[in-house]
C-alpha atoms as a PDB file:
ATOM      1  CA  MET A   1     -28.083  -0.663-109.880  1.00  0.00           C
ATOM      2  CA  LYS A   2     -30.400   2.388-110.072  1.00  0.00           C
ATOM      3  CA  VAL A   3     -34.118   2.292-109.336  1.00  0.00           C
ATOM      4  CA  LEU A   4     -36.715   4.836-110.456  1.00  0.00           C
ATOM      5  CA  ALA A   5     -40.044   4.415-108.634  1.00  0.00           C
ATOM      6  CA  ASN A   6     -41.922   6.778-110.895  1.00  0.00           C
ATOM      7  CA  ASP A   7     -45.308   6.400-109.206  1.00  0.00           C
ATOM      8  CA  GLY A   8     -43.838   6.284-105.705  1.00  0.00           C
ATOM      9  CA  ILE A   9     -42.873   3.569-103.234  1.00  0.00           C
ATOM     10  CA  SER A  10     -43.212   3.165 -99.472  1.00  0.00           C
ATOM     11  CA  GLU A  11     -40.421   4.122 -97.094  1.00  0.00           C
ATOM     12  CA  SER A  12     -39.971   0.481 -96.129  1.00  0.00           C
ATOM     13  CA  GLY A  13     -39.380  -0.447 -99.778  1.00  0.00           C
ATOM     14  CA  LYS A  14     -37.022   2.461-100.332  1.00  0.00           C
ATOM     15  CA  ASN A  15     -35.035   1.655 -97.187  1.00  0.00           C
ATOM     16  CA  ALA A  16     -34.742  -2.027 -98.124  1.00  0.00           C
ATOM     17  CA  LEU A  17     -33.263  -1.040-101.501  1.00  0.00           C
ATOM     18  CA  LEU A  18     -30.804   1.404 -99.955  1.00  0.00           C
ATOM     19  CA  GLU A  19     -29.693  -1.123 -97.362  1.00  0.00           C
ATOM     20  CA  ALA A  20     -28.952  -3.556-100.204  1.00  0.00           C
ATOM     21  CA  GLY A  21     -26.663  -0.988-101.838  1.00  0.00           C
ATOM     22  CA  ILE A  22     -29.122  -0.086-104.580  1.00  0.00           C
ATOM     23  CA  GLU A  23     -29.345   3.555-105.636  1.00  0.00           C
ATOM     24  CA  PHE A  24     -32.814   5.082-105.393  1.00  0.00           C
ATOM     25  CA  LEU A  25     -33.768   8.055-107.557  1.00  0.00           C
ATOM     26  CA  GLU A  26     -36.152  10.559-106.000  1.00  0.00           C
ATOM     27  CA  ALA A  27     -38.144  11.730-109.028  1.00  0.00           C
ATOM     28  CA  LYS A  28     -41.595  11.850-110.576  1.00  0.00           C
ATOM     29  CA  VAL A  29     -41.154  12.071-114.341  1.00  0.00           C
ATOM     30  CA  SER A  30     -43.950  12.860-116.803  1.00  0.00           C
ATOM     31  CA  GLN A  31     -44.714  10.275-119.474  1.00  0.00           C
ATOM     32  CA  GLU A  32     -43.264  12.444-122.271  1.00  0.00           C
ATOM     33  CA  HIS A  33     -39.943  12.929-120.470  1.00  0.00           C
ATOM     34  CA  LEU A  34     -39.666   9.386-119.103  1.00  0.00           C
ATOM     35  CA  VAL A  35     -37.421   7.914-121.815  1.00  0.00           C
ATOM     36  CA  ASN A  36     -34.884  10.750-121.661  1.00  0.00           C
ATOM     37  CA  PHE A  37     -34.728  10.609-117.880  1.00  0.00           C
ATOM     38  CA  ILE A  38     -34.191   6.838-117.832  1.00  0.00           C
ATOM     39  CA  ASN A  39     -31.404   6.996-120.414  1.00  0.00           C
ATOM     40  CA  GLU A  40     -29.677  10.082-119.016  1.00  0.00           C
ATOM     41  CA  ASN A  41     -29.630   8.628-115.505  1.00  0.00           C
ATOM     42  CA  GLN A  42     -28.835   5.072-116.582  1.00  0.00           C
ATOM     43  CA  VAL A  43     -31.853   3.636-114.788  1.00  0.00           C
ATOM     44  CA  ASP A  44     -31.809  -0.158-114.458  1.00  0.00           C
ATOM     45  CA  VAL A  45     -35.159  -0.668-112.723  1.00  0.00           C
ATOM     46  CA  LEU A  46     -38.423   1.130-113.509  1.00  0.00           C
ATOM     47  CA  LEU A  47     -41.175   0.769-110.913  1.00  0.00           C
ATOM     48  CA  VAL A  48     -44.694   1.976-111.712  1.00  0.00           C
ATOM     49  CA  ARG A  49     -48.232   1.748-110.430  1.00  0.00           C
ATOM     50  CA  SER A  50     -51.174   2.590-112.689  1.00  0.00           C
ATOM     51  CA  ALA A  51     -50.207   6.095-113.843  1.00  0.00           C
ATOM     52  CA  THR A  52     -47.036   5.409-115.853  1.00  0.00           C
ATOM     53  CA  LYS A  53     -47.366   3.469-119.116  1.00  0.00           C
ATOM     54  CA  VAL A  54     -44.586   1.132-120.218  1.00  0.00           C
ATOM     55  CA  GLY A  55     -45.337   0.125-123.799  1.00  0.00           C
ATOM     56  CA  GLN A  56     -43.146  -1.078-126.651  1.00  0.00           C
ATOM     57  CA  ASP A  57     -42.058   2.490-127.384  1.00  0.00           C
ATOM     58  CA  VAL A  58     -40.597   2.967-123.895  1.00  0.00           C
ATOM     59  CA  ILE A  59     -39.063  -0.504-123.837  1.00  0.00           C
ATOM     60  CA  ASP A  60     -37.383  -0.056-127.243  1.00  0.00           C
ATOM     61  CA  ALA A  61     -36.112   3.416-126.362  1.00  0.00           C
ATOM     62  CA  CYS A  62     -34.589   2.306-123.025  1.00  0.00           C
ATOM     63  CA  PRO A  63     -32.194  -0.587-123.738  1.00  0.00           C
ATOM     64  CA  GLY A  64     -30.617  -0.299-120.289  1.00  0.00           C
ATOM     65  CA  ILE A  65     -33.771  -1.336-118.437  1.00  0.00           C
ATOM     66  CA  LYS A  66     -33.323  -4.711-116.752  1.00  0.00           C
ATOM     67  CA  ILE A  67     -36.397  -4.852-114.517  1.00  0.00           C
ATOM     68  CA  ILE A  68     -39.905  -3.405-114.822  1.00  0.00           C
ATOM     69  CA  GLY A  69     -41.995  -3.630-111.660  1.00  0.00           C
ATOM     70  CA  ARG A  70     -45.674  -2.949-111.032  1.00  0.00           C
ATOM     71  CA  GLY A  71     -46.791  -2.083-107.522  1.00  0.00           C
ATOM     72  CA  GLY A  72     -50.062  -3.985-107.513  1.00  0.00           C
ATOM     73  CA  VAL A  73     -51.738  -6.846-109.329  1.00  0.00           C
ATOM     74  CA  GLY A  74     -52.921  -5.821-112.806  1.00  0.00           C
ATOM     75  CA  MET A  75     -50.250  -5.068-115.388  1.00  0.00           C
ATOM     76  CA  ASP A  76     -52.333  -3.767-118.284  1.00  0.00           C
ATOM     77  CA  ASN A  77     -50.221  -0.581-118.376  1.00  0.00           C
ATOM     78  CA  ILE A  78     -47.101  -2.662-119.162  1.00  0.00           C
ATOM     79  CA  ASP A  79     -46.420  -4.596-122.376  1.00  0.00           C
ATOM     80  CA  VAL A  80     -45.427  -7.649-120.371  1.00  0.00           C
ATOM     81  CA  GLU A  81     -44.883 -10.174-123.165  1.00  0.00           C
ATOM     82  CA  TYR A  82     -42.814  -7.760-125.236  1.00  0.00           C
ATOM     83  CA  ALA A  83     -40.645  -6.886-122.243  1.00  0.00           C
ATOM     84  CA  ILE A  84     -40.038 -10.536-121.430  1.00  0.00           C
ATOM     85  CA  ASP A  85     -39.146 -11.226-125.075  1.00  0.00           C
ATOM     86  CA  LYS A  86     -36.533  -8.491-124.738  1.00  0.00           C
ATOM     87  CA  GLY A  87     -34.997 -10.269-121.752  1.00  0.00           C
ATOM     88  CA  ILE A  88     -36.397  -7.875-119.165  1.00  0.00           C
ATOM     89  CA  TYR A  89     -37.596  -9.147-115.787  1.00  0.00           C
ATOM     90  CA  VAL A  90     -41.219  -8.140-115.149  1.00  0.00           C
ATOM     91  CA  ILE A  91     -42.423  -8.275-111.550  1.00  0.00           C
ATOM     92  CA  ASN A  92     -45.535  -7.312-109.611  1.00  0.00           C
ATOM     93  CA  THR A  93     -47.033  -7.739-106.147  1.00  0.00           C
ATOM     94  CA  PRO A  94     -50.070  -9.994-106.556  1.00  0.00           C
ATOM     95  CA  ASN A  95     -50.690 -10.585-102.858  1.00  0.00           C
ATOM     96  CA  ALA A  96     -49.599  -7.380-101.127  1.00  0.00           C
ATOM     97  CA  SER A  97     -52.868  -5.480-101.585  1.00  0.00           C
ATOM     98  CA  SER A  98     -55.294  -8.431-101.576  1.00  0.00           C
ATOM     99  CA  ARG A  99     -56.477  -7.831 -98.029  1.00  0.00           C
ATOM    100  CA  SER A 100     -57.026  -4.116 -98.615  1.00  0.00           C
ATOM    101  CA  VAL A 101     -59.126  -4.731-101.733  1.00  0.00           C
ATOM    102  CA  ALA A 102     -61.163  -7.423 -99.987  1.00  0.00           C
ATOM    103  CA  GLU A 103     -61.880  -5.074 -97.095  1.00  0.00           C
ATOM    104  CA  MET A 104     -63.025  -2.456 -99.607  1.00  0.00           C
ATOM    105  CA  VAL A 105     -65.434  -5.009-101.078  1.00  0.00           C
ATOM    106  CA  PHE A 106     -67.066  -5.519 -97.699  1.00  0.00           C
ATOM    107  CA  ALA A 107     -66.980  -1.827 -96.846  1.00  0.00           C
ATOM    108  CA  HIS A 108     -69.193  -1.341 -99.891  1.00  0.00           C
ATOM    109  CA  PHE A 109     -71.358  -4.384 -99.122  1.00  0.00           C
ATOM    110  CA  PHE A 110     -72.057  -3.100 -95.606  1.00  0.00           C
ATOM    111  CA  SER A 111     -72.649   0.406 -96.922  1.00  0.00           C
ATOM    112  CA  LEU A 112     -75.187  -0.862 -99.465  1.00  0.00           C
ATOM    113  CA  ALA A 113     -76.903  -3.334 -97.151  1.00  0.00           C
ATOM    114  CA  ARG A 114     -77.428  -0.642 -94.470  1.00  0.00           C
ATOM    115  CA  PHE A 115     -78.000   2.325 -96.838  1.00  0.00           C
ATOM    116  CA  LEU A 116     -74.973   4.102 -95.372  1.00  0.00           C
ATOM    117  CA  HIS A 117     -73.866   5.417 -98.766  1.00  0.00           C
ATOM    118  CA  GLU A 118     -77.138   7.316 -99.096  1.00  0.00           C
ATOM    119  CA  SER A 119     -77.780   8.271 -95.463  1.00  0.00           C
ATOM    120  CA  ASN A 120     -74.282   9.754 -95.225  1.00  0.00           C
ATOM    121  CA  ARG A 121     -75.175  12.063 -98.118  1.00  0.00           C
ATOM    122  CA  LEU A 122     -78.607  13.013 -96.841  1.00  0.00           C
ATOM    123  CA  MET A 123     -78.063  13.438 -93.096  1.00  0.00           C
ATOM    124  CA  PRO A 124     -76.089  16.705 -93.413  1.00  0.00           C
ATOM    125  CA  LEU A 125     -78.784  18.053 -95.765  1.00  0.00           C
ATOM    126  CA  GLU A 126     -82.014  16.784 -94.202  1.00  0.00           C
ATOM    127  CA  GLY A 127     -81.117  15.172 -90.889  1.00  0.00           C
ATOM    128  CA  ASP A 128     -82.613  18.009 -88.862  1.00  0.00           C
ATOM    129  CA  THR A 129     -85.847  18.236 -90.882  1.00  0.00           C
ATOM    130  CA  HIS A 130     -86.602  14.706 -92.150  1.00  0.00           C
ATOM    131  CA  PHE A 131     -85.011  12.488 -89.501  1.00  0.00           C
ATOM    132  CA  LYS A 132     -88.038  10.205 -88.988  1.00  0.00           C
ATOM    133  CA  ALA A 133     -88.785   9.968 -92.693  1.00  0.00           C
ATOM    134  CA  MET A 134     -85.225   8.900 -93.463  1.00  0.00           C
ATOM    135  CA  LYS A 135     -85.271   6.399 -90.601  1.00  0.00           C
ATOM    136  CA  LYS A 136     -88.343   4.812 -92.160  1.00  0.00           C
ATOM    137  CA  SER A 137     -87.002   4.856 -95.738  1.00  0.00           C
ATOM    138  CA  PHE A 138     -83.761   3.150 -94.680  1.00  0.00           C
ATOM    139  CA  SER A 139     -85.456   0.527 -92.488  1.00  0.00           C
ATOM    140  CA  LYS A 140     -85.381  -2.318 -95.039  1.00  0.00           C
ATOM    141  CA  ALA A 141     -81.727  -3.130 -94.453  1.00  0.00           C
ATOM    142  CA  VAL A 142     -80.351  -6.681 -94.559  1.00  0.00           C
ATOM    143  CA  GLU A 143     -77.663  -8.625 -92.729  1.00  0.00           C
ATOM    144  CA  LEU A 144     -74.859 -10.471 -94.485  1.00  0.00           C
ATOM    145  CA  GLU A 145     -74.840 -13.505 -92.202  1.00  0.00           C
ATOM    146  CA  GLY A 146     -76.600 -16.461 -93.778  1.00  0.00           C
ATOM    147  CA  LYS A 147     -76.680 -14.845 -97.218  1.00  0.00           C
ATOM    148  CA  THR A 148     -74.980 -16.325-100.291  1.00  0.00           C
ATOM    149  CA  LEU A 149     -71.794 -14.609-101.439  1.00  0.00           C
ATOM    150  CA  GLY A 150     -70.764 -15.159-105.047  1.00  0.00           C
ATOM    151  CA  VAL A 151     -67.153 -14.360-105.942  1.00  0.00           C
ATOM    152  CA  ILE A 152     -66.065 -14.110-109.580  1.00  0.00           C
ATOM    153  CA  GLY A 153     -62.339 -14.840-109.706  1.00  0.00           C
ATOM    154  CA  PHE A 154     -60.275 -16.918-107.293  1.00  0.00           C
ATOM    155  CA  GLY A 155     -56.884 -15.237-107.200  1.00  0.00           C
ATOM    156  CA  GLY A 156     -55.382 -13.608-104.117  1.00  0.00           C
ATOM    157  CA  ILE A 157     -58.127 -10.981-103.833  1.00  0.00           C
ATOM    158  CA  GLY A 158     -60.954 -13.408-104.524  1.00  0.00           C
ATOM    159  CA  GLN A 159     -59.617 -15.751-101.856  1.00  0.00           C
ATOM    160  CA  GLU A 160     -59.469 -12.934 -99.295  1.00  0.00           C
ATOM    161  CA  VAL A 161     -63.063 -11.978-100.142  1.00  0.00           C
ATOM    162  CA  VAL A 162     -64.129 -15.596 -99.631  1.00  0.00           C
ATOM    163  CA  LYS A 163     -62.328 -15.744 -96.269  1.00  0.00           C
ATOM    164  CA  MET A 164     -64.125 -12.622 -95.063  1.00  0.00           C
ATOM    165  CA  GLY A 165     -67.438 -14.018 -96.236  1.00  0.00           C
ATOM    166  CA  ILE A 166     -66.802 -17.229 -94.312  1.00  0.00           C
ATOM    167  CA  SER A 167     -65.910 -15.249 -91.171  1.00  0.00           C
ATOM    168  CA  LEU A 168     -69.266 -13.453 -91.437  1.00  0.00           C
ATOM    169  CA  GLY A 169     -71.198 -16.709 -91.699  1.00  0.00           C
ATOM    170  CA  MET A 170     -72.027 -16.387 -95.393  1.00  0.00           C
ATOM    171  CA  LYS A 171     -72.580 -19.233 -97.839  1.00  0.00           C
ATOM    172  CA  ILE A 172     -69.933 -19.267-100.557  1.00  0.00           C
ATOM    173  CA  LYS A 173     -69.964 -19.680-104.330  1.00  0.00           C
ATOM    174  CA  VAL A 174     -66.922 -19.119-106.548  1.00  0.00           C
ATOM    175  CA  LEU A 175     -66.896 -18.811-110.332  1.00  0.00           C
ATOM    176  CA  THR A 176     -63.783 -19.465-112.441  1.00  0.00           C
ATOM    177  CA  ARG A 177     -63.175 -20.491-116.032  1.00  0.00           C
ATOM    178  CA  LYS A 178     -61.744 -23.812-114.901  1.00  0.00           C
ATOM    179  CA  PRO A 179     -63.051 -25.456-111.697  1.00  0.00           C
ATOM    180  CA  ARG A 180     -60.454 -25.842-108.972  1.00  0.00           C
ATOM    181  CA  THR A 181     -60.116 -26.334-105.240  1.00  0.00           C
ATOM    182  CA  GLU A 182     -58.144 -24.133-102.848  1.00  0.00           C
ATOM    183  CA  THR A 183     -57.427 -24.562 -99.149  1.00  0.00           C
ATOM    184  CA  LEU A 184     -57.962 -21.278 -97.330  1.00  0.00           C
ATOM    185  CA  PHE A 185     -56.701 -20.562 -93.825  1.00  0.00           C
ATOM    186  CA  LEU A 186     -58.386 -18.211 -91.364  1.00  0.00           C
ATOM    187  CA  ASP A 187     -55.902 -17.116 -88.707  1.00  0.00           C
ATOM    188  CA  PHE A 188     -57.130 -15.655 -85.433  1.00  0.00           C
ATOM    189  CA  PHE A 189     -55.700 -13.346 -82.774  1.00  0.00           C
ATOM    190  CA  ASP A 190     -55.061 -16.159 -80.261  1.00  0.00           C
ATOM    191  CA  GLY A 191     -53.000 -18.308 -82.613  1.00  0.00           C
ATOM    192  CA  GLN A 192     -55.833 -20.573 -83.688  1.00  0.00           C
ATOM    193  CA  SER A 193     -56.281 -21.325 -87.381  1.00  0.00           C
ATOM    194  CA  VAL A 194     -59.164 -22.901 -89.272  1.00  0.00           C
ATOM    195  CA  ASN A 195     -58.901 -24.141 -92.841  1.00  0.00           C
ATOM    196  CA  PHE A 196     -61.605 -24.540 -95.457  1.00  0.00           C
ATOM    197  CA  GLU A 197     -61.500 -26.343 -98.794  1.00  0.00           C
ATOM    198  CA  ILE A 198     -63.372 -24.207-101.316  1.00  0.00           C
ATOM    199  CA  SER A 199     -64.103 -25.468-104.815  1.00  0.00           C
ATOM    200  CA  SER A 200     -65.008 -23.173-107.702  1.00  0.00           C
ATOM    201  CA  GLY A 201     -67.324 -23.950-110.578  1.00  0.00           C
ATOM    202  CA  ASN A 202     -67.677 -22.694-114.144  1.00  0.00           C
ATOM    203  CA  ASP A 203     -71.470 -22.852-114.541  1.00  0.00           C
ATOM    204  CA  PHE A 204     -72.477 -19.179-114.663  1.00  0.00           C
ATOM    205  CA  ASP A 205     -76.212 -19.905-114.458  1.00  0.00           C
ATOM    206  CA  GLU A 206     -75.779 -22.007-111.327  1.00  0.00           C
ATOM    207  CA  PHE A 207     -73.479 -19.367-109.847  1.00  0.00           C
ATOM    208  CA  LEU A 208     -76.066 -16.607-110.273  1.00  0.00           C
ATOM    209  CA  LYS A 209     -78.979 -18.673-108.959  1.00  0.00           C
ATOM    210  CA  ASN A 210     -80.027 -17.496-105.478  1.00  0.00           C
ATOM    211  CA  THR A 211     -76.810 -15.477-104.985  1.00  0.00           C
ATOM    212  CA  ASP A 212     -77.407 -12.434-102.756  1.00  0.00           C
ATOM    213  CA  PHE A 213     -74.059 -10.619-102.953  1.00  0.00           C
ATOM    214  CA  ILE A 214     -71.681 -10.689-105.944  1.00  0.00           C
ATOM    215  CA  SER A 215     -68.056  -9.527-105.876  1.00  0.00           C
ATOM    216  CA  ILE A 216     -66.091  -9.217-109.126  1.00  0.00           C
ATOM    217  CA  ASN A 217     -62.372  -9.880-108.614  1.00  0.00           C
ATOM    218  CA  THR A 218     -60.931 -10.686-112.035  1.00  0.00           C
ATOM    219  CA  PRO A 219     -58.132  -9.261-114.197  1.00  0.00           C
ATOM    220  CA  LYS A 220     -58.976  -6.853-117.021  1.00  0.00           C
ATOM    221  CA  THR A 221     -61.193  -8.435-119.683  1.00  0.00           C
ATOM    222  CA  ASN A 222     -61.837  -7.667-123.350  1.00  0.00           C
ATOM    223  CA  GLU A 223     -65.587  -7.994-122.960  1.00  0.00           C
ATOM    224  CA  TYR A 224     -68.212  -7.663-120.269  1.00  0.00           C
ATOM    225  CA  ILE A 225     -68.436 -10.456-117.727  1.00  0.00           C
ATOM    226  CA  ILE A 226     -71.785  -9.154-116.557  1.00  0.00           C
ATOM    227  CA  ASP A 227     -74.281  -7.818-119.093  1.00  0.00           C
ATOM    228  CA  THR A 228     -77.983  -8.258-119.874  1.00  0.00           C
ATOM    229  CA  PRO A 229     -78.018 -12.106-120.003  1.00  0.00           C
ATOM    230  CA  GLN A 230     -76.339 -12.325-116.600  1.00  0.00           C
ATOM    231  CA  PHE A 231     -78.506  -9.635-114.976  1.00  0.00           C
ATOM    232  CA  GLU A 232     -81.637 -11.438-116.193  1.00  0.00           C
ATOM    233  CA  LYS A 233     -80.617 -14.604-114.349  1.00  0.00           C
ATOM    234  CA  MET A 234     -79.772 -12.887-111.054  1.00  0.00           C
ATOM    235  CA  LYS A 235     -81.935 -13.053-107.973  1.00  0.00           C
ATOM    236  CA  ASP A 236     -84.155 -10.016-107.439  1.00  0.00           C
ATOM    237  CA  GLY A 237     -82.574  -7.683-104.884  1.00  0.00           C
ATOM    238  CA  VAL A 238     -78.976  -8.694-105.538  1.00  0.00           C
ATOM    239  CA  PHE A 239     -76.039  -6.516-104.444  1.00  0.00           C
ATOM    240  CA  ILE A 240     -72.954  -6.201-106.690  1.00  0.00           C
ATOM    241  CA  VAL A 241     -69.478  -4.779-106.024  1.00  0.00           C
ATOM    242  CA  ASN A 242     -66.825  -4.268-108.705  1.00  0.00           C
ATOM    243  CA  THR A 243     -63.289  -3.626-107.464  1.00  0.00           C
ATOM    244  CA  ALA A 244     -61.673  -5.392-110.441  1.00  0.00           C
ATOM    245  CA  ARG A 245     -61.393  -3.233-113.555  1.00  0.00           C
ATOM    246  CA  GLY A 246     -63.665  -0.920-115.481  1.00  0.00           C
ATOM    247  CA  GLY A 247     -65.226  -2.772-118.404  1.00  0.00           C
ATOM    248  CA  VAL A 248     -65.994  -6.069-116.677  1.00  0.00           C
ATOM    249  CA  ILE A 249     -69.575  -4.942-116.046  1.00  0.00           C
ATOM    250  CA  ASN A 250     -71.778  -2.987-118.462  1.00  0.00           C
ATOM    251  CA  GLU A 251     -72.441   0.204-116.521  1.00  0.00           C
ATOM    252  CA  VAL A 252     -75.343   1.356-118.717  1.00  0.00           C
ATOM    253  CA  THR A 253     -77.072  -1.994-118.308  1.00  0.00           C
ATOM    254  CA  LEU A 254     -76.342  -1.918-114.576  1.00  0.00           C
ATOM    255  CA  LEU A 255     -78.235   1.369-114.229  1.00  0.00           C
ATOM    256  CA  HIS A 256     -81.201  -0.135-116.094  1.00  0.00           C
ATOM    257  CA  TYR A 257     -81.425  -3.088-113.721  1.00  0.00           C
ATOM    258  CA  ILE A 258     -81.037  -0.834-110.688  1.00  0.00           C
ATOM    259  CA  GLU A 259     -83.958   1.248-111.916  1.00  0.00           C
ATOM    260  CA  SER A 260     -86.037  -1.887-112.556  1.00  0.00           C
ATOM    261  CA  GLY A 261     -85.386  -3.119-109.000  1.00  0.00           C
ATOM    262  CA  LYS A 262     -83.562  -6.284-110.055  1.00  0.00           C
ATOM    263  CA  VAL A 263     -80.361  -4.919-108.491  1.00  0.00           C
ATOM    264  CA  ALA A 264     -80.933  -3.548-104.984  1.00  0.00           C
ATOM    265  CA  GLY A 265     -77.613  -1.736-104.963  1.00  0.00           C
ATOM    266  CA  ALA A 266     -74.195  -1.753-106.552  1.00  0.00           C
ATOM    267  CA  ALA A 267     -70.759  -0.375-105.778  1.00  0.00           C
ATOM    268  CA  LEU A 268     -68.067   0.687-108.213  1.00  0.00           C
ATOM    269  CA  ASP A 269     -64.469   1.335-107.255  1.00  0.00           C
ATOM    270  CA  VAL A 270     -63.427   1.192-110.930  1.00  0.00           C
ATOM    271  CA  PHE A 271     -65.038   2.634-114.042  1.00  0.00           C
ATOM    272  CA  GLU A 272     -65.136   2.159-117.796  1.00  0.00           C
ATOM    273  CA  ASN A 273     -64.245   5.822-118.411  1.00  0.00           C
ATOM    274  CA  GLU A 274     -61.824   6.186-115.522  1.00  0.00           C
ATOM    275  CA  PRO A 275     -60.728   8.780-114.469  1.00  0.00           C
ATOM    276  CA  ASN A 276     -63.872  10.473-115.810  1.00  0.00           C
ATOM    277  CA  PRO A 277     -66.852   8.359-114.704  1.00  0.00           C
ATOM    278  CA  GLU A 278     -70.183   8.982-116.409  1.00  0.00           C
ATOM    279  CA  LEU A 279     -72.395  11.509-114.597  1.00  0.00           C
ATOM    280  CA  PRO A 280     -75.448   9.167-114.388  1.00  0.00           C
ATOM    281  CA  LEU A 281     -73.309   6.802-112.308  1.00  0.00           C
ATOM    282  CA  LEU A 282     -72.138   9.564-109.986  1.00  0.00           C
ATOM    283  CA  MET A 283     -75.674  10.818-109.413  1.00  0.00           C
ATOM    284  CA  ASN A 284     -77.439   7.480-108.842  1.00  0.00           C
ATOM    285  CA  PRO A 285     -78.462   7.081-105.168  1.00  0.00           C
ATOM    286  CA  ASN A 286     -78.332   3.282-105.373  1.00  0.00           C
ATOM    287  CA  LEU A 287     -74.625   3.279-106.169  1.00  0.00           C
ATOM    288  CA  SER A 288     -71.858   3.307-103.574  1.00  0.00           C
ATOM    289  CA  LEU A 289     -68.811   4.862-105.225  1.00  0.00           C
ATOM    290  CA  SER A 290     -65.081   5.236-104.581  1.00  0.00           C
ATOM    291  CA  PRO A 291     -62.254   6.520-106.843  1.00  0.00           C
ATOM    292  CA  HIS A 292     -60.232   3.314-107.394  1.00  0.00           C
ATOM    293  CA  LEU A 293     -59.125   3.010-103.780  1.00  0.00           C
ATOM    294  CA  GLY A 294     -59.179  -0.775-103.410  1.00  0.00           C
ATOM    295  CA  GLY A 295     -55.485  -1.292-102.689  1.00  0.00           C
ATOM    296  CA  ASN A 296     -54.809   2.197-101.376  1.00  0.00           C
ATOM    297  CA  THR A 297     -54.192   1.697 -97.685  1.00  0.00           C
ATOM    298  CA  LEU A 298     -51.055   2.558 -95.759  1.00  0.00           C
ATOM    299  CA  ASP A 299     -50.733  -1.121 -94.867  1.00  0.00           C
ATOM    300  CA  ALA A 300     -50.930  -2.268 -98.495  1.00  0.00           C
ATOM    301  CA  GLN A 301     -48.422   0.341 -99.653  1.00  0.00           C
ATOM    302  CA  GLU A 302     -45.926  -0.864 -97.054  1.00  0.00           C
ATOM    303  CA  LYS A 303     -46.396  -4.461 -98.178  1.00  0.00           C
ATOM    304  CA  ILE A 304     -46.126  -3.510-101.865  1.00  0.00           C
ATOM    305  CA  GLY A 305     -42.907  -1.543-101.371  1.00  0.00           C
ATOM    306  CA  THR A 306     -41.275  -4.282 -99.339  1.00  0.00           C
ATOM    307  CA  GLU A 307     -42.339  -7.027-101.752  1.00  0.00           C
ATOM    308  CA  LEU A 308     -40.984  -5.127-104.770  1.00  0.00           C
ATOM    309  CA  ALA A 309     -37.703  -4.401-103.000  1.00  0.00           C
ATOM    310  CA  LEU A 310     -37.164  -8.025-102.045  1.00  0.00           C
ATOM    311  CA  GLN A 311     -37.800  -9.179-105.613  1.00  0.00           C
ATOM    312  CA  ILE A 312     -35.358  -6.599-107.002  1.00  0.00           C
ATOM    313  CA  ILE A 313     -32.681  -7.588-104.484  1.00  0.00           C
ATOM    314  CA  ASP A 314     -33.150 -11.246-105.414  1.00  0.00           C
ATOM    315  CA  ILE A 315     -32.913 -10.543-109.160  1.00  0.00           C
ATOM    316  CA  LYS A 316     -29.825  -8.372-108.640  1.00  0.00           C
ATOM    317  CA  LYS A 317     -28.016 -11.413-107.265  1.00  0.00           C
ATOM    318  CA  LYS A 318     -28.714 -13.268-110.530  1.00  0.00           C
ATOM    319  CA  LEU A 319     -27.555 -10.485-112.877  1.00  0.00           C
END
């Protein structure tokens, strides 16, 4: 069996494959040359992240492919249903990067709540001349403890966000299409563990009412989850973080409600026009921004590589 990890894989994942007697191809192939490379090298397994697209054209042109793997959660760059119909195994790593994304959510929440995103930009420019003025302008910071955290989506990432909110002493609301209850475990350094039963609801109006911090953790959607009607029902001074996908929140409308004061601050790790975000977003001082880094930690990459390798090894035994 030959594996092409076209968007890269961690050393732990690579080593696990090699130890299982699976050949690993060291290559990074452009999209236009991908089909020829796969066929010429008789690749059985194609692993991608977000860069490489695996549509019907690639699937039809590469009849030798047995497994398509996505290092991460979302698989919108793979025609999953078509691949499955063709008898191809399609795998991903839904839990490997959950912790990293959740930590990114709170990195942005803390940055917004304490004005760090803006003070980090201004201190090198004006710290020596306007120190006292900046200290005064950034004095209306807020704590997260005791505030209400609203999480849209209750998959692996959403659950990790909820767990972090609980650990900070926040009140929790979860919104899903269908109400459900999950038992979440908080494990501590000394071996102790505490579990919480968290139930989600599907009443959007109730979810938005009195919610101080909102985290969006859903798959890609065909329409906005948050647009004018939702902004209108939010509490004044709300903070919002989107680490899900571009297109789940209307960015133009978001800027309007930031300017009106309804939204105290927002953070975007993903964008509608990614990888070319709109300039008004990049220039707005009330936005905390990052270039789609949610799952990009060394720890997550190790977990992703290992999880993919173990799935491939397991499937190989069945073939």
